[in-house]
């Protein structure tokens, strides 16, 4: 298996990306340390939406909630 770059694009106007994840709809989420979170359409990266969030940000693990939706409670 090899890694192949399919497309490169900048995250402008994202100033300082501190986390990236893919949600359960296939959108790419990028957390900006100072502005909030970006929701990016991977088929059209210019189609992105800023979700403003107050204060400074950092993320790790399941920032989109997609993994939480896959949890099955034991019976």
C-alpha atoms as a PDB file:
ATOM      1  CA  UNK A   1       0.000   0.000   0.000  1.00  0.00           C
ATOM      2  CA  UNK A   2       1.287   3.451  -0.883  1.00  0.00           C
ATOM      3  CA  UNK A   3       0.110   6.936  -0.068  1.00  0.00           C
ATOM      4  CA  UNK A   4      -0.809   9.096  -3.027  1.00  0.00           C
ATOM      5  CA  UNK A   5      -1.523  12.812  -2.877  1.00  0.00           C
ATOM      6  CA  UNK A   6      -4.780  13.335  -4.744  1.00  0.00           C
ATOM      7  CA  UNK A   7      -5.290  17.042  -4.206  1.00  0.00           C
ATOM      8  CA  UNK A   8      -3.542  19.794  -2.300  1.00  0.00           C
ATOM      9  CA  UNK A   9      -5.297  22.924  -1.109  1.00  0.00           C
ATOM     10  CA  UNK A  10      -4.638  25.594   1.460  1.00  0.00           C
ATOM     11  CA  UNK A  11      -6.794  26.123   4.520  1.00  0.00           C
ATOM     12  CA  UNK A  12      -7.003  29.854   3.970  1.00  0.00           C
ATOM     13  CA  UNK A  13      -8.385  31.632   6.003  1.00  0.00           C
ATOM     14  CA  UNK A  14      -7.705  29.039   8.737  1.00  0.00           C
ATOM     15  CA  UNK A  15      -4.901  30.576  10.782  1.00  0.00           C
ATOM     16  CA  UNK A  16      -3.605  27.756  13.004  1.00  0.00           C
ATOM     17  CA  UNK A  17      -5.056  24.278  12.420  1.00  0.00           C
ATOM     18  CA  UNK A  18      -4.797  22.107  15.543  1.00  0.00           C
ATOM     19  CA  UNK A  19      -6.991  19.132  14.666  1.00  0.00           C
ATOM     20  CA  UNK A  20      -8.482  17.335  11.689  1.00  0.00           C
ATOM     21  CA  UNK A  21     -11.133  14.635  11.460  1.00  0.00           C
ATOM     22  CA  UNK A  22     -13.728  13.204   9.080  1.00  0.00           C
ATOM     23  CA  UNK A  23     -17.347  13.191  10.247  1.00  0.00           C
ATOM     24  CA  UNK A  24     -19.945  10.497   9.571  1.00  0.00           C
ATOM     25  CA  UNK A  25     -21.192  12.448   6.523  1.00  0.00           C
ATOM     26  CA  UNK A  26     -17.713  12.426   4.950  1.00  0.00           C
ATOM     27  CA  UNK A  27     -16.958  16.106   5.560  1.00  0.00           C
ATOM     28  CA  UNK A  28     -13.520  17.091   6.787  1.00  0.00           C
ATOM     29  CA  UNK A  29     -13.474  19.033  10.039  1.00  0.00           C
ATOM     30  CA  UNK A  30     -10.521  21.275  10.843  1.00  0.00           C
ATOM     31  CA  UNK A  31     -10.241  22.993  14.206  1.00  0.00           C
ATOM     32  CA  UNK A  32      -8.616  26.416  14.107  1.00  0.00           C
ATOM     33  CA  UNK A  33      -6.901  27.323  17.363  1.00  0.00           C
ATOM     34  CA  UNK A  34      -8.405  30.814  17.485  1.00  0.00           C
ATOM     35  CA  UNK A  35     -11.468  30.979  15.188  1.00  0.00           C
ATOM     36  CA  UNK A  36     -13.530  27.816  15.623  1.00  0.00           C
ATOM     37  CA  UNK A  37     -14.034  24.832  13.351  1.00  0.00           C
ATOM     38  CA  UNK A  38     -14.197  24.512   9.576  1.00  0.00           C
ATOM     39  CA  UNK A  39     -16.488  22.030   7.840  1.00  0.00           C
ATOM     40  CA  UNK A  40     -15.026  21.258   4.409  1.00  0.00           C
ATOM     41  CA  UNK A  41     -16.614  19.372   1.526  1.00  0.00           C
ATOM     42  CA  UNK A  42     -13.900  16.940   0.337  1.00  0.00           C
ATOM     43  CA  UNK A  43     -15.353  16.878  -3.190  1.00  0.00           C
ATOM     44  CA  UNK A  44     -15.205  20.677  -3.385  1.00  0.00           C
ATOM     45  CA  UNK A  45     -12.673  22.014  -0.837  1.00  0.00           C
ATOM     46  CA  UNK A  46     -13.590  25.605  -1.679  1.00  0.00           C
ATOM     47  CA  UNK A  47     -17.023  24.830  -0.216  1.00  0.00           C
ATOM     48  CA  UNK A  48     -16.236  25.303   3.464  1.00  0.00           C
ATOM     49  CA  UNK A  49     -18.151  26.695   6.390  1.00  0.00           C
ATOM     50  CA  UNK A  50     -16.728  28.300   9.532  1.00  0.00           C
ATOM     51  CA  UNK A  51     -18.456  27.369  12.760  1.00  0.00           C
ATOM     52  CA  UNK A  52     -17.296  30.142  15.128  1.00  0.00           C
ATOM     53  CA  UNK A  53     -16.471  29.027  18.664  1.00  0.00           C
ATOM     54  CA  UNK A  54     -15.339  31.394  21.429  1.00  0.00           C
ATOM     55  CA  UNK A  55     -11.929  31.142  23.144  1.00  0.00           C
ATOM     56  CA  UNK A  56      -8.876  29.056  22.182  1.00  0.00           C
ATOM     57  CA  UNK A  57      -9.243  25.502  20.892  1.00  0.00           C
ATOM     58  CA  UNK A  58      -7.456  22.195  20.832  1.00  0.00           C
ATOM     59  CA  UNK A  59      -8.746  18.764  19.952  1.00  0.00           C
ATOM     60  CA  UNK A  60      -7.827  15.122  19.823  1.00  0.00           C
ATOM     61  CA  UNK A  61      -9.650  11.847  19.402  1.00  0.00           C
ATOM     62  CA  UNK A  62     -13.257  11.946  18.146  1.00  0.00           C
ATOM     63  CA  UNK A  63     -13.943  15.636  17.671  1.00  0.00           C
ATOM     64  CA  UNK A  64     -16.806  15.102  15.197  1.00  0.00           C
ATOM     65  CA  UNK A  65     -18.877  12.684  17.273  1.00  0.00           C
ATOM     66  CA  UNK A  66     -18.850  10.093  14.484  1.00  0.00           C
ATOM     67  CA  UNK A  67     -17.246   7.424  16.654  1.00  0.00           C
ATOM     68  CA  UNK A  68     -19.728   8.068  19.447  1.00  0.00           C
ATOM     69  CA  UNK A  69     -22.577   7.235  17.057  1.00  0.00           C
ATOM     70  CA  UNK A  70     -21.001   3.845  16.344  1.00  0.00           C
ATOM     71  CA  UNK A  71     -21.091   2.732  20.003  1.00  0.00           C
ATOM     72  CA  UNK A  72     -23.398  -0.176  20.705  1.00  0.00           C
ATOM     73  CA  UNK A  73     -24.582  -0.577  24.262  1.00  0.00           C
ATOM     74  CA  UNK A  74     -24.293  -4.101  25.660  1.00  0.00           C
ATOM     75  CA  UNK A  75     -27.551  -5.931  26.227  1.00  0.00           C
END
